[in-house]
Amino acid sequence: MKNIKKIPQLDRKKWQRKVRNKKRLPIFLQFFSSVVEYYDFFSFSFIFFYLIGTVSHQTIELYGIALISLVTFLFRPVGYRVQIWLTQHYSRKIVIIINGTMMTVSILIPGLITTVDDSPWLICGIIFLSRVINGISFGIKLQSNVTYIKYSFPKRLRYTIATSTLGAQLGLSLSVFINHAVTQYLSIQQLEWGWRIPFFFGALLSLILFATRFLTYSRLNGLTDLTMKIPLDKFAFKAGKKLWLGLIIISTKACITYTIFISIPFLIGSNLDLNLNQVTQVMFITSSLNTLTSWVSKYNKRSPKLSSINYALILSLILMTVLIYAMINKLQILSFSSIYLLGILNGYLFVVIPRLIECTLPEEVKFESMLFISNYEYFHFNVIRRLALLITLVVMGSSFTRYHLMIVLMGSLWAAIIPGIFALSYLYYKNRQKIRQMNSFS
């Protein structure tokens, strides 16, 4: 009799384990997707840092980065709609194959570039094409993930949002780590081909993600071919004014992140006379501090206060100003100290700002709104910065120098962060009761 009673208990435990694994799987896929996405995005800082020193063309940095920073975001809404069309005409397996192939190819293309000194625009054109494919493929993936997670595991949405944030942080850190390893262990001659390694590694990550999604589909019986008939962005627009306020606020955080990990490596290399290896060492330490602070903030039970976030934003702005002053005057210790402190502050903001915005969004479209915001967080301030750069370049002409570049950088930081502080204060006070309730519930 005892043996007979134990059998159902064992079966029940086995069943519970399977259910838990099924619930964890979509979270893992979203986490891994964020890792691949942010690794790919920040790896581009490495290719431009290398190519600018290789290709002797005055405006490749200005035009090239401007081109690449914006194109991938502009084509993501196209990806939402392509995913809906594909799912209506093909099985989900076919969609996964198409999406995985596009994503891998878009990440791999930059690594296949042959650096030709007299054809920088050809390089920009190739990368432009890769970013178009990249934007569409990530749009397809995101629309598919929304369908999969929302309809299969609706109670795991909030945890998925938090996990995506940490995945983004890990992808950023992984990019810096790989770049550091490449420059640390390869000679200058070996770097002539070795600069492609980060992109080949990114393509490998994409293939692993693709294989995981494909094999997962075949194993899970509960996965159906459901598809959202409405694109992700139209769902997110239902949040109204809160969506746009949230986008302005999170763009402030993105402005700091982008400046630290993409703009600063270019500037400290040329202004402080550092070689590629020294620059990546500085960024590796910064990334480590950034990631550590993010994880501490993630598991901190105290709810973030408005004053703490605003102080962090204001201090970041002050440190950016100090950093630019230090770079102009070639003060290495002050420059490094400012960068490391910025890494710590950015790690804190990386977690607390999305958490606060999430509390203010309508429950019925919260998941879609947060994904939409995270998709476009690097778009808003980039428009400001690139327009300012292009206008300054047209006005200054051949007299445009890196000094003017840093002035434009500083101006764009102020233009992005100050509105973010006001938007954050407004959103917080309008939703302070709801935020307190959500934080106490958490």
Protein backbone atom coordinates (compact mmCIF):
# COMPACT_ATOMS: atom_id res chain seq x y z
CA MET A 1 0.00 0.00 0.00
CA LYS A 2 2.81 2.39 0.80
CA ASN A 3 4.40 1.79 -2.58
CA ILE A 4 1.11 2.47 -4.32
CA LYS A 5 0.79 5.82 -2.56
CA LYS A 6 4.30 6.88 -3.46
CA ILE A 7 3.79 6.49 -7.20
CA PRO A 8 1.33 9.38 -7.59
CA GLN A 9 3.60 11.59 -5.48
CA LEU A 10 6.56 10.85 -7.72
CA ASP A 11 4.46 11.46 -10.81
CA ARG A 12 3.20 14.70 -9.35
CA LYS A 13 6.74 15.91 -8.59
CA LYS A 14 7.83 14.99 -12.08
CA TRP A 15 4.87 16.84 -13.53
CA GLN A 16 5.58 19.91 -11.37
CA ARG A 17 9.21 19.87 -12.50
CA LYS A 18 8.13 19.83 -16.14
CA VAL A 19 5.74 22.72 -15.55
CA ARG A 20 8.47 24.76 -13.86
CA ASN A 21 10.86 24.07 -16.72
CA LYS A 22 8.25 25.14 -19.24
CA LYS A 23 7.73 28.37 -17.34
CA ARG A 24 11.44 29.06 -17.12
CA LEU A 25 12.08 28.40 -20.78
CA PRO A 26 10.39 31.50 -22.25
CA ILE A 27 12.11 33.61 -19.61
CA PHE A 28 15.45 32.13 -20.60
CA LEU A 29 14.77 32.71 -24.29
CA GLN A 30 13.89 36.35 -23.67
CA PHE A 31 16.99 36.72 -21.48
CA PHE A 32 19.21 35.13 -24.13
CA SER A 33 17.61 37.28 -26.85
CA SER A 34 18.51 40.40 -24.88
CA VAL A 35 22.07 39.14 -24.47
CA VAL A 36 22.44 38.65 -28.24
CA GLU A 37 20.77 41.96 -29.07
CA TYR A 38 22.91 44.10 -26.78
CA TYR A 39 26.09 42.19 -27.53
CA ASP A 40 25.52 42.89 -31.21
CA PHE A 41 24.69 46.55 -30.62
CA PHE A 42 27.72 47.36 -28.49
CA SER A 43 30.14 45.31 -30.57
CA PHE A 44 29.83 48.01 -33.19
CA SER A 45 31.83 50.34 -30.98
CA PHE A 46 34.76 48.00 -31.52
CA ILE A 47 34.53 47.84 -35.30
CA PHE A 48 34.40 51.61 -35.65
CA PHE A 49 37.18 52.16 -33.19
CA TYR A 50 39.34 49.85 -35.28
CA LEU A 51 38.22 51.04 -38.72
CA ILE A 52 38.62 54.72 -37.90
CA GLY A 53 42.30 54.08 -37.31
CA THR A 54 42.54 51.97 -40.45
CA VAL A 55 40.48 53.90 -42.95
CA SER A 56 41.81 57.41 -43.45
CA HIS A 57 38.60 59.26 -44.06
CA GLN A 58 37.63 62.32 -42.09
CA THR A 59 33.89 61.80 -41.74
CA ILE A 60 33.49 58.03 -41.44
CA GLU A 61 33.05 58.28 -37.68
CA LEU A 62 30.38 60.95 -37.92
CA TYR A 63 28.38 59.62 -40.83
CA GLY A 64 28.97 55.93 -40.26
CA ILE A 65 27.87 55.77 -36.64
CA ALA A 66 24.94 58.09 -37.36
CA LEU A 67 23.82 55.76 -40.11
CA ILE A 68 24.15 52.60 -38.09
CA SER A 69 22.72 53.87 -34.82
CA LEU A 70 19.37 54.75 -36.34
CA VAL A 71 18.69 52.33 -39.17
CA THR A 72 18.25 49.20 -37.06
CA PHE A 73 15.61 50.94 -34.92
CA LEU A 74 13.71 52.34 -37.88
CA PHE A 75 13.23 48.91 -39.41
CA ARG A 76 12.03 47.10 -36.29
CA PRO A 77 8.37 48.09 -36.83
CA VAL A 78 8.74 46.55 -40.28
CA GLY A 79 9.81 43.35 -38.54
CA TYR A 80 6.66 43.35 -36.38
CA ARG A 81 4.49 43.38 -39.47
CA VAL A 82 6.65 40.90 -41.37
CA GLN A 83 6.28 38.44 -38.48
CA ILE A 84 2.48 38.71 -38.58
CA TRP A 85 2.46 38.14 -42.34
CA LEU A 86 4.88 35.21 -42.13
CA THR A 87 2.92 33.49 -39.36
CA GLN A 88 -0.29 33.82 -41.35
CA HIS A 89 1.29 32.15 -44.39
CA TYR A 90 3.85 29.75 -42.91
CA SER A 91 4.25 27.53 -39.87
CA ARG A 92 6.00 28.81 -36.79
CA LYS A 93 8.97 26.55 -37.51
CA ILE A 94 9.52 28.22 -40.88
CA VAL A 95 9.29 31.63 -39.23
CA ILE A 96 11.92 30.63 -36.67
CA ILE A 97 14.24 29.41 -39.45
CA ILE A 98 13.82 32.64 -41.45
CA ASN A 99 14.27 34.80 -38.38
CA GLY A 100 17.32 32.90 -37.11
CA THR A 101 18.98 33.04 -40.52
CA MET A 102 18.40 36.79 -40.91
CA MET A 103 19.65 37.54 -37.43
CA THR A 104 22.81 35.48 -37.81
CA VAL A 105 23.62 36.91 -41.25
CA SER A 106 23.11 40.50 -40.07
CA ILE A 107 25.54 39.99 -37.19
CA LEU A 108 28.05 38.14 -39.35
CA ILE A 109 28.20 40.61 -42.27
CA PRO A 110 30.42 43.24 -40.54
CA GLY A 111 33.01 40.55 -39.86
CA LEU A 112 33.28 39.86 -43.59
CA ILE A 113 34.24 43.43 -44.47
CA THR A 114 37.57 43.92 -46.23
CA THR A 115 39.00 47.27 -45.15
CA VAL A 116 39.83 49.30 -48.24
CA ASP A 117 41.35 52.70 -47.58
CA ASP A 118 39.69 54.50 -50.47
CA SER A 119 36.16 53.09 -50.08
CA PRO A 120 34.82 54.03 -46.63
CA TRP A 121 31.37 54.64 -48.05
CA LEU A 122 31.30 51.08 -49.35
CA ILE A 123 31.98 49.90 -45.81
CA CYS A 124 29.19 52.10 -44.48
CA GLY A 125 26.89 50.78 -47.20
CA ILE A 126 27.59 47.16 -46.29
CA ILE A 127 27.02 47.85 -42.61
CA PHE A 128 23.89 49.82 -43.48
CA LEU A 129 22.52 46.75 -45.26
CA SER A 130 23.37 44.54 -42.30
CA ARG A 131 21.55 46.92 -39.95
CA VAL A 132 18.44 46.90 -42.13
CA ILE A 133 18.37 43.11 -41.98
CA ASN A 134 19.16 43.29 -38.27
CA GLY A 135 16.29 45.67 -37.53
CA ILE A 136 13.76 43.52 -39.39
CA SER A 137 15.00 40.28 -37.83
CA PHE A 138 14.91 41.63 -34.27
CA GLY A 139 11.43 43.03 -34.95
CA ILE A 140 10.29 39.56 -36.04
CA LYS A 141 11.85 38.01 -32.95
CA LEU A 142 10.27 40.50 -30.59
CA GLN A 143 6.79 40.19 -32.07
CA SER A 144 7.12 36.42 -31.89
CA ASN A 145 8.31 36.54 -28.27
CA VAL A 146 5.35 38.68 -27.27
CA THR A 147 2.98 36.10 -28.74
CA TYR A 148 4.80 33.18 -27.17
CA ILE A 149 5.17 34.57 -23.66
CA LYS A 150 1.90 36.48 -23.33
CA TYR A 151 -0.33 33.67 -24.52
CA SER A 152 1.58 30.76 -23.04
CA PHE A 153 2.72 32.17 -19.68
CA PRO A 154 0.74 35.34 -18.90
CA LYS A 155 1.66 35.30 -15.20
CA ARG A 156 5.39 35.55 -15.93
CA LEU A 157 5.33 38.86 -17.78
CA ARG A 158 6.78 41.06 -15.04
CA TYR A 159 9.60 38.65 -14.35
CA THR A 160 10.34 38.52 -18.08
CA ILE A 161 10.74 42.31 -18.22
CA ALA A 162 13.21 42.28 -15.33
CA THR A 163 15.12 39.37 -16.84
CA SER A 164 15.39 41.17 -20.17
CA THR A 165 17.03 44.11 -18.41
CA LEU A 166 19.66 41.85 -16.87
CA GLY A 167 20.15 40.10 -20.21
CA ALA A 168 20.86 43.47 -21.80
CA GLN A 169 23.43 44.19 -19.10
CA LEU A 170 25.11 40.83 -19.63
CA GLY A 171 25.21 41.34 -23.40
CA LEU A 172 26.89 44.71 -22.93
CA SER A 173 29.46 43.26 -20.53
CA LEU A 174 30.10 40.28 -22.78
CA SER A 175 30.81 42.61 -25.70
CA VAL A 176 33.36 44.58 -23.69
CA PHE A 177 34.94 41.35 -22.38
CA ILE A 178 35.36 39.84 -25.86
CA ASN A 179 36.81 43.08 -27.22
CA HIS A 180 39.19 43.26 -24.27
CA ALA A 181 40.34 39.68 -24.83
CA VAL A 182 40.92 40.28 -28.55
CA THR A 183 43.04 43.39 -28.00
CA GLN A 184 44.84 41.89 -25.01
CA TYR A 185 46.06 38.69 -26.63
CA LEU A 186 46.43 39.60 -30.32
CA SER A 187 49.28 41.60 -31.79
CA ILE A 188 48.77 44.57 -34.10
CA GLN A 189 49.41 42.34 -37.12
CA GLN A 190 46.97 39.73 -35.85
CA LEU A 191 44.33 42.41 -35.31
CA GLU A 192 44.22 42.93 -39.07
CA TRP A 193 42.01 39.84 -39.14
CA GLY A 194 41.30 39.48 -35.40
CA TRP A 195 38.92 42.44 -35.21
CA ARG A 196 36.35 40.17 -36.87
CA ILE A 197 36.29 37.76 -33.91
CA PRO A 198 33.63 39.68 -31.90
CA PHE A 199 31.26 39.47 -34.86
CA PHE A 200 31.89 35.79 -35.50
CA PHE A 201 31.26 35.19 -31.80
CA GLY A 202 28.03 37.19 -32.04
CA ALA A 203 26.94 35.07 -35.00
CA LEU A 204 27.66 31.96 -32.91
CA LEU A 205 25.48 33.31 -30.09
CA SER A 206 22.73 33.97 -32.60
CA LEU A 207 22.99 30.42 -33.93
CA ILE A 208 22.73 29.03 -30.39
CA LEU A 209 19.63 31.15 -29.78
CA PHE A 210 18.16 30.00 -33.09
CA ALA A 211 18.84 26.33 -32.30
CA THR A 212 17.35 26.68 -28.82
CA ARG A 213 14.18 28.27 -30.17
CA PHE A 214 13.87 25.63 -32.88
CA LEU A 215 14.44 22.64 -30.60
CA THR A 216 12.20 24.11 -27.93
CA TYR A 217 9.36 24.39 -30.38
CA SER A 218 9.56 20.71 -31.28
CA ARG A 219 9.68 19.60 -27.64
CA LEU A 220 6.91 21.67 -26.09
CA ASN A 221 3.47 20.26 -26.79
CA GLY A 222 1.73 23.33 -25.43
CA LEU A 223 3.24 25.69 -27.99
CA THR A 224 0.76 26.63 -30.69
CA ASP A 225 0.88 28.78 -33.79
CA LEU A 226 -0.89 31.69 -32.15
CA THR A 227 0.01 35.09 -33.51
CA MET A 228 -0.92 38.60 -32.55
CA LYS A 229 -2.88 40.20 -35.35
CA ILE A 230 -1.87 43.65 -34.10
CA PRO A 231 1.77 44.82 -34.31
CA LEU A 232 3.60 45.41 -31.06
CA ASP A 233 3.84 49.18 -31.54
CA LYS A 234 0.06 49.60 -31.95
CA PHE A 235 -0.46 47.69 -28.72
CA ALA A 236 2.06 49.90 -26.94
CA PHE A 237 0.43 53.11 -28.21
CA LYS A 238 -2.61 52.27 -26.08
CA ALA A 239 -0.58 53.33 -23.04
CA GLY A 240 -0.90 56.91 -24.30
CA LYS A 241 1.08 59.69 -22.67
CA LYS A 242 2.71 57.35 -20.16
CA LEU A 243 4.42 55.49 -23.00
CA TRP A 244 6.07 58.63 -24.37
CA LEU A 245 7.06 59.91 -20.94
CA GLY A 246 8.57 56.51 -20.20
CA LEU A 247 10.45 56.59 -23.49
CA ILE A 248 11.91 60.03 -22.72
CA ILE A 249 12.99 58.86 -19.26
CA ILE A 250 14.54 55.60 -20.37
CA SER A 251 16.29 57.39 -23.24
CA THR A 252 18.08 59.39 -20.57
CA LYS A 253 19.51 56.19 -19.16
CA ALA A 254 20.33 54.97 -22.67
CA CYS A 255 22.09 58.25 -23.42
CA ILE A 256 24.47 57.67 -20.52
CA THR A 257 25.01 54.00 -21.42
CA TYR A 258 25.67 54.74 -25.08
CA THR A 259 28.05 57.58 -24.27
CA ILE A 260 30.05 55.46 -21.83
CA PHE A 261 30.44 52.37 -23.97
CA ILE A 262 30.46 53.76 -27.52
CA SER A 263 31.41 57.44 -27.57
CA ILE A 264 33.98 57.50 -24.78
CA PRO A 265 36.22 54.70 -26.17
CA PHE A 266 36.80 56.79 -29.31
CA LEU A 267 37.53 59.94 -27.37
CA ILE A 268 39.85 58.63 -24.66
CA GLY A 269 41.92 56.79 -27.24
CA SER A 270 42.68 59.90 -29.27
CA ASN A 271 42.68 62.54 -26.53
CA LEU A 272 44.60 60.62 -23.87
CA ASP A 273 46.99 58.91 -26.31
CA LEU A 274 45.89 55.41 -25.34
CA ASN A 275 46.26 52.38 -27.56
CA LEU A 276 43.44 49.96 -28.32
CA ASN A 277 44.42 47.56 -25.55
CA GLN A 278 44.50 50.32 -22.91
CA VAL A 279 41.10 51.60 -23.99
CA THR A 280 39.51 48.16 -23.74
CA GLN A 281 41.07 47.65 -20.30
CA VAL A 282 39.43 50.84 -19.07
CA MET A 283 36.10 49.83 -20.59
CA PHE A 284 36.38 46.31 -19.17
CA ILE A 285 36.73 47.67 -15.63
CA THR A 286 33.86 50.08 -16.26
CA SER A 287 31.65 47.30 -17.58
CA SER A 288 32.45 45.09 -14.58
CA LEU A 289 31.50 47.86 -12.15
CA ASN A 290 28.40 48.54 -14.21
CA THR A 291 27.25 44.91 -14.17
CA LEU A 292 27.98 44.40 -10.47
CA THR A 293 25.96 47.48 -9.54
CA SER A 294 23.07 46.33 -11.72
CA TRP A 295 22.86 42.96 -10.01
CA VAL A 296 23.05 44.54 -6.55
CA SER A 297 20.29 46.99 -7.51
CA LYS A 298 18.22 44.17 -8.97
CA TYR A 299 18.14 42.23 -5.70
CA ASN A 300 17.92 45.24 -3.42
CA LYS A 301 14.59 45.03 -1.58
CA ARG A 302 14.36 48.77 -0.99
CA SER A 303 12.25 50.58 -3.54
CA PRO A 304 14.09 53.34 -5.43
CA LYS A 305 13.20 56.90 -4.49
CA LEU A 306 12.71 59.69 -6.98
CA SER A 307 15.37 61.79 -5.27
CA SER A 308 17.93 58.97 -5.55
CA ILE A 309 17.32 58.54 -9.28
CA ASN A 310 17.43 62.28 -9.95
CA TYR A 311 20.62 62.64 -7.93
CA ALA A 312 22.17 59.82 -9.96
CA LEU A 313 21.18 61.51 -13.23
CA ILE A 314 22.47 64.92 -12.15
CA LEU A 315 25.71 63.41 -10.86
CA SER A 316 26.12 61.55 -14.17
CA LEU A 317 25.75 64.82 -16.04
CA ILE A 318 28.33 66.49 -13.81
CA LEU A 319 30.75 63.59 -14.24
CA MET A 320 30.32 63.71 -18.02
CA THR A 321 31.22 67.39 -17.96
CA VAL A 322 34.25 66.70 -15.76
CA LEU A 323 35.30 63.87 -18.07
CA ILE A 324 35.22 66.06 -21.16
CA TYR A 325 37.24 68.72 -19.33
CA ALA A 326 39.76 66.06 -18.26
CA MET A 327 40.07 64.67 -21.79
CA ILE A 328 40.61 68.10 -23.30
CA ASN A 329 43.38 68.75 -20.77
CA LYS A 330 44.75 65.16 -21.00
CA LEU A 331 44.22 64.38 -17.30
CA GLN A 332 44.26 60.58 -17.24
CA ILE A 333 43.55 59.93 -13.55
CA LEU A 334 40.60 62.30 -13.48
CA SER A 335 39.30 60.83 -16.74
CA PHE A 336 39.52 57.23 -15.53
CA SER A 337 37.94 58.06 -12.16
CA SER A 338 35.03 59.80 -13.88
CA ILE A 339 34.49 56.86 -16.24
CA TYR A 340 34.49 54.31 -13.40
CA LEU A 341 32.02 56.35 -11.35
CA LEU A 342 29.82 56.71 -14.42
CA GLY A 343 29.87 52.93 -14.80
CA ILE A 344 28.59 52.51 -11.23
CA LEU A 345 25.86 55.12 -11.65
CA ASN A 346 24.82 53.65 -14.98
CA GLY A 347 24.51 50.19 -13.43
CA TYR A 348 22.13 51.61 -10.83
CA LEU A 349 20.05 53.53 -13.37
CA PHE A 350 20.00 50.53 -15.71
CA VAL A 351 17.75 48.68 -13.26
CA VAL A 352 15.79 51.26 -11.26
CA ILE A 353 14.52 53.39 -14.15
CA PRO A 354 12.82 50.51 -16.05
CA ARG A 355 11.40 49.25 -12.75
CA LEU A 356 9.86 52.63 -12.00
CA ILE A 357 8.44 53.08 -15.51
CA GLU A 358 6.93 49.61 -15.40
CA CYS A 359 4.92 50.56 -12.31
CA THR A 360 3.21 53.44 -14.13
CA LEU A 361 2.07 51.67 -17.31
CA PRO A 362 -1.44 50.23 -17.77
CA GLU A 363 -1.55 46.58 -16.78
CA GLU A 364 -3.21 45.35 -19.98
CA VAL A 365 -0.44 46.68 -22.26
CA LYS A 366 2.46 46.82 -19.81
CA PHE A 367 4.44 44.01 -21.42
CA GLU A 368 4.17 45.40 -24.95
CA SER A 369 4.87 48.94 -23.78
CA MET A 370 8.04 47.98 -21.92
CA LEU A 371 9.32 46.02 -24.91
CA PHE A 372 8.54 48.95 -27.22
CA ILE A 373 10.33 51.37 -24.89
CA SER A 374 13.38 49.11 -24.63
CA ASN A 375 13.42 48.86 -28.44
CA TYR A 376 13.62 52.62 -28.92
CA GLU A 377 15.56 53.76 -25.88
CA TYR A 378 18.68 54.42 -28.01
CA PHE A 379 16.78 56.23 -30.75
CA HIS A 380 15.60 59.48 -29.15
CA PHE A 381 18.89 61.02 -28.06
CA ASN A 382 20.73 59.67 -31.10
CA VAL A 383 18.49 61.79 -33.30
CA ILE A 384 19.47 64.86 -31.27
CA ARG A 385 23.16 64.02 -31.31
CA ARG A 386 23.44 63.07 -34.97
CA LEU A 387 21.52 66.09 -36.16
CA ALA A 388 23.77 68.31 -34.05
CA LEU A 389 26.87 66.60 -35.45
CA LEU A 390 25.77 66.88 -39.06
CA ILE A 391 24.78 70.54 -38.70
CA THR A 392 28.06 71.36 -36.97
CA LEU A 393 30.03 69.50 -39.63
CA VAL A 394 28.27 71.38 -42.43
CA VAL A 395 28.88 74.73 -40.73
CA MET A 396 32.48 74.07 -39.66
CA GLY A 397 33.58 72.16 -42.76
CA SER A 398 37.22 71.11 -42.74
CA SER A 399 37.88 73.02 -39.51
CA PHE A 400 35.76 70.52 -37.57
CA THR A 401 37.93 68.87 -34.89
CA ARG A 402 37.51 66.43 -32.01
CA TYR A 403 37.21 69.42 -29.70
CA HIS A 404 34.02 70.42 -31.51
CA LEU A 405 32.90 66.80 -31.37
CA MET A 406 33.16 66.83 -27.58
CA ILE A 407 31.25 70.10 -27.35
CA VAL A 408 28.43 68.59 -29.43
CA LEU A 409 28.57 65.47 -27.25
CA MET A 410 28.19 67.55 -24.10
CA GLY A 411 25.34 69.59 -25.55
CA SER A 412 23.44 66.47 -26.61
CA LEU A 413 23.87 64.99 -23.13
CA TRP A 414 22.29 68.04 -21.56
CA ALA A 415 19.52 67.99 -24.17
CA ALA A 416 18.71 64.36 -23.35
CA ILE A 417 19.17 64.24 -19.57
CA ILE A 418 17.47 67.46 -18.45
CA PRO A 419 14.10 66.64 -20.13
CA GLY A 420 14.40 63.14 -18.69
CA ILE A 421 14.69 64.50 -15.15
CA PHE A 422 11.57 66.65 -15.60
CA ALA A 423 9.63 63.79 -17.22
CA LEU A 424 10.68 61.44 -14.41
CA SER A 425 9.53 63.87 -11.72
CA TYR A 426 6.20 64.44 -13.45
CA LEU A 427 5.53 60.74 -14.01
CA TYR A 428 6.51 59.86 -10.44
CA TYR A 429 4.27 62.42 -8.77
CA LYS A 430 1.33 61.56 -11.00
CA ASN A 431 1.66 57.86 -10.15
CA ARG A 432 3.33 57.93 -6.73
CA GLN A 433 0.56 55.99 -4.98
CA LYS A 434 0.58 53.24 -7.60
CA ILE A 435 4.38 53.06 -7.51
CA ARG A 436 4.40 52.63 -3.74
CA GLN A 437 1.79 49.89 -3.92
CA MET A 438 3.71 48.02 -6.62
CA ASN A 439 6.99 48.32 -4.73
CA SER A 440 5.43 47.11 -1.49
CA PHE A 441 3.91 44.18 -3.39
CA SER A 442 7.30 43.33 -4.89
